[in-house]
Amino acid sequence: MPPFRYPAKPAPGDRIAVLSPPAGVPAVFPQVYEQGLARLRDELGLEPVEYPTTRRSRSGTDPGHRGRARLGP
């Protein structure tokens, strides 16, 4: 088995994926989530790219794990 290799560290201007756990935390605490995105942009110079289901809550608008799986990237 080949040795494990780490990817290069992100550099300013790089795009990074933003995902969230299935609990829908960004929908519950949107201010904290927005603060995190701002820090990625302003302090680290990264470009956050949100996954389509990142801000969904587990309530009525959330299709559940099967719906999220069908949405794809």
PDB file of N, CA and C in Angstrom:
ATOM      1  N   MET A   1       0.834  -1.170   0.000  1.00  0.00           N
ATOM      2  CA  MET A   1       0.000   0.000   0.000  1.00  0.00           C
ATOM      3  C   MET A   1       0.888   1.245   0.000  1.00  0.00           C
ATOM      4  N   PRO A   2       0.616   2.220  -0.894  1.00  0.00           N
ATOM      5  CA  PRO A   2       1.453   3.423  -0.942  1.00  0.00           C
ATOM      6  C   PRO A   2       1.260   4.269   0.313  1.00  0.00           C
ATOM      7  N   PRO A   3       2.257   5.065   0.673  1.00  0.00           N
ATOM      8  CA  PRO A   3       2.123   5.917   1.865  1.00  0.00           C
ATOM      9  C   PRO A   3       1.041   6.975   1.654  1.00  0.00           C
ATOM     10  N   PHE A   4       0.424   7.349   2.749  1.00  0.00           N
ATOM     11  CA  PHE A   4      -0.628   8.361   2.703  1.00  0.00           C
ATOM     12  C   PHE A   4      -0.027   9.711   2.336  1.00  0.00           C
ATOM     13  N   ARG A   5      -0.683  10.428   1.434  1.00  0.00           N
ATOM     14  CA  ARG A   5      -0.213  11.754   1.027  1.00  0.00           C
ATOM     15  C   ARG A   5      -1.284  12.787   1.366  1.00  0.00           C
ATOM     16  N   TYR A   6      -0.863  13.881   1.936  1.00  0.00           N
ATOM     17  CA  TYR A   6      -1.771  14.973   2.266  1.00  0.00           C
ATOM     18  C   TYR A   6      -1.878  15.917   1.072  1.00  0.00           C
ATOM     19  N   PRO A   7      -3.049  16.477   0.834  1.00  0.00           N
ATOM     20  CA  PRO A   7      -3.162  17.479  -0.233  1.00  0.00           C
ATOM     21  C   PRO A   7      -2.451  18.768   0.171  1.00  0.00           C
ATOM     22  N   ALA A   8      -2.170  19.601  -0.798  1.00  0.00           N
ATOM     23  CA  ALA A   8      -1.525  20.888  -0.511  1.00  0.00           C
ATOM     24  C   ALA A   8      -2.477  21.757   0.322  1.00  0.00           C
ATOM     25  N   LYS A   9      -1.901  22.582   1.172  1.00  0.00           N
ATOM     26  CA  LYS A   9      -2.719  23.496   1.980  1.00  0.00           C
ATOM     27  C   LYS A   9      -3.376  24.515   1.057  1.00  0.00           C
ATOM     28  N   PRO A  10      -4.605  24.917   1.376  1.00  0.00           N
ATOM     29  CA  PRO A  10      -5.253  25.934   0.539  1.00  0.00           C
ATOM     30  C   PRO A  10      -4.507  27.260   0.607  1.00  0.00           C
ATOM     31  N   ALA A  11      -4.477  27.955  -0.504  1.00  0.00           N
ATOM     32  CA  ALA A  11      -3.815  29.253  -0.593  1.00  0.00           C
ATOM     33  C   ALA A  11      -4.863  30.316  -0.893  1.00  0.00           C
ATOM     34  N   PRO A  12      -4.588  31.577  -0.568  1.00  0.00           N
ATOM     35  CA  PRO A  12      -5.543  32.640  -0.885  1.00  0.00           C
ATOM     36  C   PRO A  12      -5.979  32.563  -2.354  1.00  0.00           C
ATOM     37  N   GLY A  13      -7.291  32.712  -2.552  1.00  0.00           N
ATOM     38  CA  GLY A  13      -7.860  32.620  -3.892  1.00  0.00           C
ATOM     39  C   GLY A  13      -8.390  31.241  -4.237  1.00  0.00           C
ATOM     40  N   ASP A  14      -8.004  30.218  -3.472  1.00  0.00           N
ATOM     41  CA  ASP A  14      -8.497  28.860  -3.716  1.00  0.00           C
ATOM     42  C   ASP A  14      -9.971  28.758  -3.359  1.00  0.00           C
ATOM     43  N   ARG A  15     -10.682  27.924  -4.080  1.00  0.00           N
ATOM     44  CA  ARG A  15     -12.084  27.637  -3.782  1.00  0.00           C
ATOM     45  C   ARG A  15     -12.118  26.419  -2.867  1.00  0.00           C
ATOM     46  N   ILE A  16     -12.947  26.490  -1.834  1.00  0.00           N
ATOM     47  CA  ILE A  16     -13.071  25.362  -0.914  1.00  0.00           C
ATOM     48  C   ILE A  16     -14.544  24.999  -0.746  1.00  0.00           C
ATOM     49  N   ALA A  17     -14.806  23.714  -0.616  1.00  0.00           N
ATOM     50  CA  ALA A  17     -16.175  23.233  -0.437  1.00  0.00           C
ATOM     51  C   ALA A  17     -16.627  23.457   0.994  1.00  0.00           C
ATOM     52  N   VAL A  18     -17.890  23.866   1.143  1.00  0.00           N
ATOM     53  CA  VAL A  18     -18.486  24.049   2.467  1.00  0.00           C
ATOM     54  C   VAL A  18     -19.666  23.092   2.568  1.00  0.00           C
ATOM     55  N   LEU A  19     -19.575  22.177   3.510  1.00  0.00           N
ATOM     56  CA  LEU A  19     -20.615  21.176   3.760  1.00  0.00           C
ATOM     57  C   LEU A  19     -21.099  21.343   5.187  1.00  0.00           C
ATOM     58  N   SER A  20     -22.201  20.696   5.516  1.00  0.00           N
ATOM     59  CA  SER A  20     -22.645  20.720   6.904  1.00  0.00           C
ATOM     60  C   SER A  20     -23.183  19.344   7.267  1.00  0.00           C
ATOM     61  N   PRO A  21     -23.190  19.027   8.560  1.00  0.00           N
ATOM     62  CA  PRO A  21     -23.745  17.750   8.988  1.00  0.00           C
ATOM     63  C   PRO A  21     -25.248  17.711   8.719  1.00  0.00           C
ATOM     64  N   PRO A  22     -25.824  16.530   8.705  1.00  0.00           N
ATOM     65  CA  PRO A  22     -27.244  16.414   8.387  1.00  0.00           C
ATOM     66  C   PRO A  22     -28.169  17.109   9.391  1.00  0.00           C
ATOM     67  N   ALA A  23     -27.656  17.565  10.503  1.00  0.00           N
ATOM     68  CA  ALA A  23     -28.498  18.240  11.494  1.00  0.00           C
ATOM     69  C   ALA A  23     -28.959  19.607  11.021  1.00  0.00           C
ATOM     70  N   GLY A  24     -28.388  20.140   9.940  1.00  0.00           N
ATOM     71  CA  GLY A  24     -28.814  21.443   9.437  1.00  0.00           C
ATOM     72  C   GLY A  24     -28.403  22.596  10.328  1.00  0.00           C
ATOM     73  N   VAL A  25     -27.221  22.537  10.908  1.00  0.00           N
ATOM     74  CA  VAL A  25     -26.761  23.556  11.854  1.00  0.00           C
ATOM     75  C   VAL A  25     -26.773  24.970  11.256  1.00  0.00           C
ATOM     76  N   PRO A  26     -26.387  25.193   9.993  1.00  0.00           N
ATOM     77  CA  PRO A  26     -26.459  26.561   9.463  1.00  0.00           C
ATOM     78  C   PRO A  26     -27.870  27.154   9.481  1.00  0.00           C
ATOM     79  N   ALA A  27     -28.887  26.319   9.375  1.00  0.00           N
ATOM     80  CA  ALA A  27     -30.268  26.816   9.443  1.00  0.00           C
ATOM     81  C   ALA A  27     -30.647  27.182  10.879  1.00  0.00           C
ATOM     82  N   VAL A  28     -30.050  26.522  11.847  1.00  0.00           N
ATOM     83  CA  VAL A  28     -30.348  26.765  13.257  1.00  0.00           C
ATOM     84  C   VAL A  28     -29.560  27.960  13.789  1.00  0.00           C
ATOM     85  N   PHE A  29     -28.292  28.075  13.375  1.00  0.00           N
ATOM     86  CA  PHE A  29     -27.407  29.152  13.830  1.00  0.00           C
ATOM     87  C   PHE A  29     -26.835  29.904  12.634  1.00  0.00           C
ATOM     88  N   PRO A  30     -27.670  30.621  11.888  1.00  0.00           N
ATOM     89  CA  PRO A  30     -27.175  31.267  10.665  1.00  0.00           C
ATOM     90  C   PRO A  30     -26.106  32.331  10.915  1.00  0.00           C
ATOM     91  N   GLN A  31     -26.158  33.033  12.049  1.00  0.00           N
ATOM     92  CA  GLN A  31     -25.158  34.067  12.317  1.00  0.00           C
ATOM     93  C   GLN A  31     -23.772  33.453  12.482  1.00  0.00           C
ATOM     94  N   VAL A  32     -23.698  32.337  13.186  1.00  0.00           N
ATOM     95  CA  VAL A  32     -22.411  31.661  13.393  1.00  0.00           C
ATOM     96  C   VAL A  32     -21.882  31.136  12.062  1.00  0.00           C
ATOM     97  N   TYR A  33     -22.766  30.574  11.267  1.00  0.00           N
ATOM     98  CA  TYR A  33     -22.384  30.048   9.957  1.00  0.00           C
ATOM     99  C   TYR A  33     -21.852  31.177   9.061  1.00  0.00           C
ATOM    100  N   GLU A  34     -22.568  32.299   9.015  1.00  0.00           N
ATOM    101  CA  GLU A  34     -22.135  33.439   8.202  1.00  0.00           C
ATOM    102  C   GLU A  34     -20.798  33.989   8.688  1.00  0.00           C
ATOM    103  N   GLN A  35     -20.588  33.990  10.001  1.00  0.00           N
ATOM    104  CA  GLN A  35     -19.316  34.450  10.555  1.00  0.00           C
ATOM    105  C   GLN A  35     -18.177  33.535  10.079  1.00  0.00           C
ATOM    106  N   GLY A  36     -18.431  32.245  10.045  1.00  0.00           N
ATOM    107  CA  GLY A  36     -17.418  31.308   9.561  1.00  0.00           C
ATOM    108  C   GLY A  36     -17.082  31.537   8.093  1.00  0.00           C
ATOM    109  N   LEU A  37     -18.113  31.760   7.263  1.00  0.00           N
ATOM    110  CA  LEU A  37     -17.866  32.051   5.846  1.00  0.00           C
ATOM    111  C   LEU A  37     -17.070  33.344   5.686  1.00  0.00           C
ATOM    112  N   ALA A  38     -17.426  34.362   6.480  1.00  0.00           N
ATOM    113  CA  ALA A  38     -16.711  35.636   6.403  1.00  0.00           C
ATOM    114  C   ALA A  38     -15.244  35.466   6.786  1.00  0.00           C
ATOM    115  N   ARG A  39     -14.978  34.670   7.787  1.00  0.00           N
ATOM    116  CA  ARG A  39     -13.581  34.447   8.189  1.00  0.00           C
ATOM    117  C   ARG A  39     -12.799  33.717   7.107  1.00  0.00           C
ATOM    118  N   LEU A  40     -13.428  32.741   6.466  1.00  0.00           N
ATOM    119  CA  LEU A  40     -12.751  32.047   5.366  1.00  0.00           C
ATOM    120  C   LEU A  40     -12.384  33.040   4.262  1.00  0.00           C
ATOM    121  N   ARG A  41     -13.333  33.938   3.940  1.00  0.00           N
ATOM    122  CA  ARG A  41     -13.095  34.917   2.876  1.00  0.00           C
ATOM    123  C   ARG A  41     -12.106  36.001   3.309  1.00  0.00           C
ATOM    124  N   ASP A  42     -12.415  36.658   4.426  1.00  0.00           N
ATOM    125  CA  ASP A  42     -11.685  37.867   4.808  1.00  0.00           C
ATOM    126  C   ASP A  42     -10.330  37.609   5.455  1.00  0.00           C
ATOM    127  N   GLU A  43     -10.248  36.595   6.296  1.00  0.00           N
ATOM    128  CA  GLU A  43      -8.996  36.358   7.019  1.00  0.00           C
ATOM    129  C   GLU A  43      -8.068  35.377   6.303  1.00  0.00           C
ATOM    130  N   LEU A  44      -8.644  34.428   5.581  1.00  0.00           N
ATOM    131  CA  LEU A  44      -7.810  33.428   4.911  1.00  0.00           C
ATOM    132  C   LEU A  44      -7.734  33.625   3.406  1.00  0.00           C
ATOM    133  N   GLY A  45      -8.594  34.501   2.860  1.00  0.00           N
ATOM    134  CA  GLY A  45      -8.561  34.770   1.431  1.00  0.00           C
ATOM    135  C   GLY A  45      -9.083  33.629   0.578  1.00  0.00           C
ATOM    136  N   LEU A  46      -9.870  32.738   1.169  1.00  0.00           N
ATOM    137  CA  LEU A  46     -10.405  31.594   0.436  1.00  0.00           C
ATOM    138  C   LEU A  46     -11.790  31.928  -0.112  1.00  0.00           C
ATOM    139  N   GLU A  47     -12.215  31.196  -1.130  1.00  0.00           N
ATOM    140  CA  GLU A  47     -13.536  31.393  -1.723  1.00  0.00           C
ATOM    141  C   GLU A  47     -14.426  30.217  -1.349  1.00  0.00           C
ATOM    142  N   PRO A  48     -15.306  30.377  -0.353  1.00  0.00           N
ATOM    143  CA  PRO A  48     -16.181  29.276   0.046  1.00  0.00           C
ATOM    144  C   PRO A  48     -17.216  28.977  -1.046  1.00  0.00           C
ATOM    145  N   VAL A  49     -17.389  27.703  -1.348  1.00  0.00           N
ATOM    146  CA  VAL A  49     -18.395  27.250  -2.306  1.00  0.00           C
ATOM    147  C   VAL A  49     -19.331  26.328  -1.535  1.00  0.00           C
ATOM    148  N   GLU A  50     -20.567  26.784  -1.333  1.00  0.00           N
ATOM    149  CA  GLU A  50     -21.515  26.020  -0.526  1.00  0.00           C
ATOM    150  C   GLU A  50     -22.135  24.876  -1.309  1.00  0.00           C
ATOM    151  N   TYR A  51     -22.209  23.724  -0.697  1.00  0.00           N
ATOM    152  CA  TYR A  51     -22.925  22.593  -1.257  1.00  0.00           C
ATOM    153  C   TYR A  51     -24.410  22.968  -1.253  1.00  0.00           C
ATOM    154  N   PRO A  52     -25.191  22.547  -2.256  1.00  0.00           N
ATOM    155  CA  PRO A  52     -26.579  22.987  -2.367  1.00  0.00           C
ATOM    156  C   PRO A  52     -27.449  22.748  -1.126  1.00  0.00           C
ATOM    157  N   THR A  53     -27.141  21.750  -0.333  1.00  0.00           N
ATOM    158  CA  THR A  53     -27.980  21.441   0.829  1.00  0.00           C
ATOM    159  C   THR A  53     -27.413  21.970   2.142  1.00  0.00           C
ATOM    160  N   THR A  54     -26.358  22.751   2.094  1.00  0.00           N
ATOM    161  CA  THR A  54     -25.681  23.191   3.320  1.00  0.00           C
ATOM    162  C   THR A  54     -26.598  23.937   4.277  1.00  0.00           C
ATOM    163  N   ARG A  55     -27.459  24.796   3.786  1.00  0.00           N
ATOM    164  CA  ARG A  55     -28.295  25.633   4.652  1.00  0.00           C
ATOM    165  C   ARG A  55     -29.656  25.025   4.957  1.00  0.00           C
ATOM    166  N   ARG A  56     -29.937  23.854   4.499  1.00  0.00           N
ATOM    167  CA  ARG A  56     -31.251  23.247   4.742  1.00  0.00           C
ATOM    168  C   ARG A  56     -31.375  22.732   6.161  1.00  0.00           C
ATOM    169  N   SER A  57     -32.561  22.885   6.711  1.00  0.00           N
ATOM    170  CA  SER A  57     -32.825  22.360   8.050  1.00  0.00           C
ATOM    171  C   SER A  57     -33.418  20.965   7.915  1.00  0.00           C
ATOM    172  N   ARG A  58     -33.611  20.316   9.026  1.00  0.00           N
ATOM    173  CA  ARG A  58     -34.215  18.981   9.001  1.00  0.00           C
ATOM    174  C   ARG A  58     -35.731  19.063   8.990  1.00  0.00           C
ATOM    175  N   SER A  59     -36.269  20.269   9.015  1.00  0.00           N
ATOM    176  CA  SER A  59     -37.725  20.416   9.014  1.00  0.00           C
ATOM    177  C   SER A  59     -38.273  20.258   7.605  1.00  0.00           C
ATOM    178  N   GLY A  60     -39.517  20.650   7.401  1.00  0.00           N
ATOM    179  CA  GLY A  60     -40.259  20.400   6.182  1.00  0.00           C
ATOM    180  C   GLY A  60     -39.565  20.629   4.857  1.00  0.00           C
ATOM    181  N   THR A  61     -38.626  21.563   4.749  1.00  0.00           N
ATOM    182  CA  THR A  61     -38.008  21.821   3.454  1.00  0.00           C
ATOM    183  C   THR A  61     -36.854  20.876   3.146  1.00  0.00           C
ATOM    184  N   ASP A  62     -36.447  20.101   4.104  1.00  0.00           N
ATOM    185  CA  ASP A  62     -35.326  19.194   3.902  1.00  0.00           C
ATOM    186  C   ASP A  62     -35.817  17.870   3.334  1.00  0.00           C
ATOM    187  N   PRO A  63     -35.255  17.414   2.194  1.00  0.00           N
ATOM    188  CA  PRO A  63     -35.695  16.152   1.617  1.00  0.00           C
ATOM    189  C   PRO A  63     -35.172  14.917   2.345  1.00  0.00           C
ATOM    190  N   GLY A  64     -34.373  15.105   3.392  1.00  0.00           N
ATOM    191  CA  GLY A  64     -33.812  13.967   4.107  1.00  0.00           C
ATOM    192  C   GLY A  64     -32.585  13.412   3.403  1.00  0.00           C
ATOM    193  N   HIS A  65     -31.982  12.393   3.988  1.00  0.00           N
ATOM    194  CA  HIS A  65     -30.730  11.877   3.428  1.00  0.00           C
ATOM    195  C   HIS A  65     -30.909  11.321   2.021  1.00  0.00           C
ATOM    196  N   ARG A  66     -32.040  10.733   1.716  1.00  0.00           N
ATOM    197  CA  ARG A  66     -32.250  10.218   0.357  1.00  0.00           C
ATOM    198  C   ARG A  66     -32.362  11.365  -0.647  1.00  0.00           C
ATOM    199  N   GLY A  67     -33.060  12.423  -0.263  1.00  0.00           N
ATOM    200  CA  GLY A  67     -33.178  13.574  -1.134  1.00  0.00           C
ATOM    201  C   GLY A  67     -31.846  14.265  -1.364  1.00  0.00           C
ATOM    202  N   ARG A  68     -31.050  14.371  -0.305  1.00  0.00           N
ATOM    203  CA  ARG A  68     -29.729  14.984  -0.446  1.00  0.00           C
ATOM    204  C   ARG A  68     -28.852  14.135  -1.355  1.00  0.00           C
ATOM    205  N   ALA A  69     -28.959  12.830  -1.262  1.00  0.00           N
ATOM    206  CA  ALA A  69     -28.147  11.951  -2.103  1.00  0.00           C
ATOM    207  C   ALA A  69     -28.515  12.130  -3.576  1.00  0.00           C
ATOM    208  N   ARG A  70     -29.795  12.353  -3.861  1.00  0.00           N
ATOM    209  CA  ARG A  70     -30.222  12.542  -5.259  1.00  0.00           C
ATOM    210  C   ARG A  70     -29.779  13.885  -5.813  1.00  0.00           C
ATOM    211  N   LEU A  71     -29.631  14.908  -4.967  1.00  0.00           N
ATOM    212  CA  LEU A  71     -29.268  16.232  -5.459  1.00  0.00           C
ATOM    213  C   LEU A  71     -27.876  16.265  -6.041  1.00  0.00           C
ATOM    214  N   GLY A  72     -26.966  15.483  -5.459  1.00  0.00           N
ATOM    215  CA  GLY A  72     -25.594  15.458  -5.969  1.00  0.00           C
ATOM    216  C   GLY A  72     -24.880  16.782  -5.764  1.00  0.00           C
ATOM    217  N   PRO A  73     -23.639  16.890  -6.258  1.00  0.00           N
ATOM    218  CA  PRO A  73     -22.848  18.110  -6.052  1.00  0.00           C
ATOM    219  C   PRO A  73     -23.342  19.275  -6.879  1.00  0.00           C
TER     220      PRO A  73
END
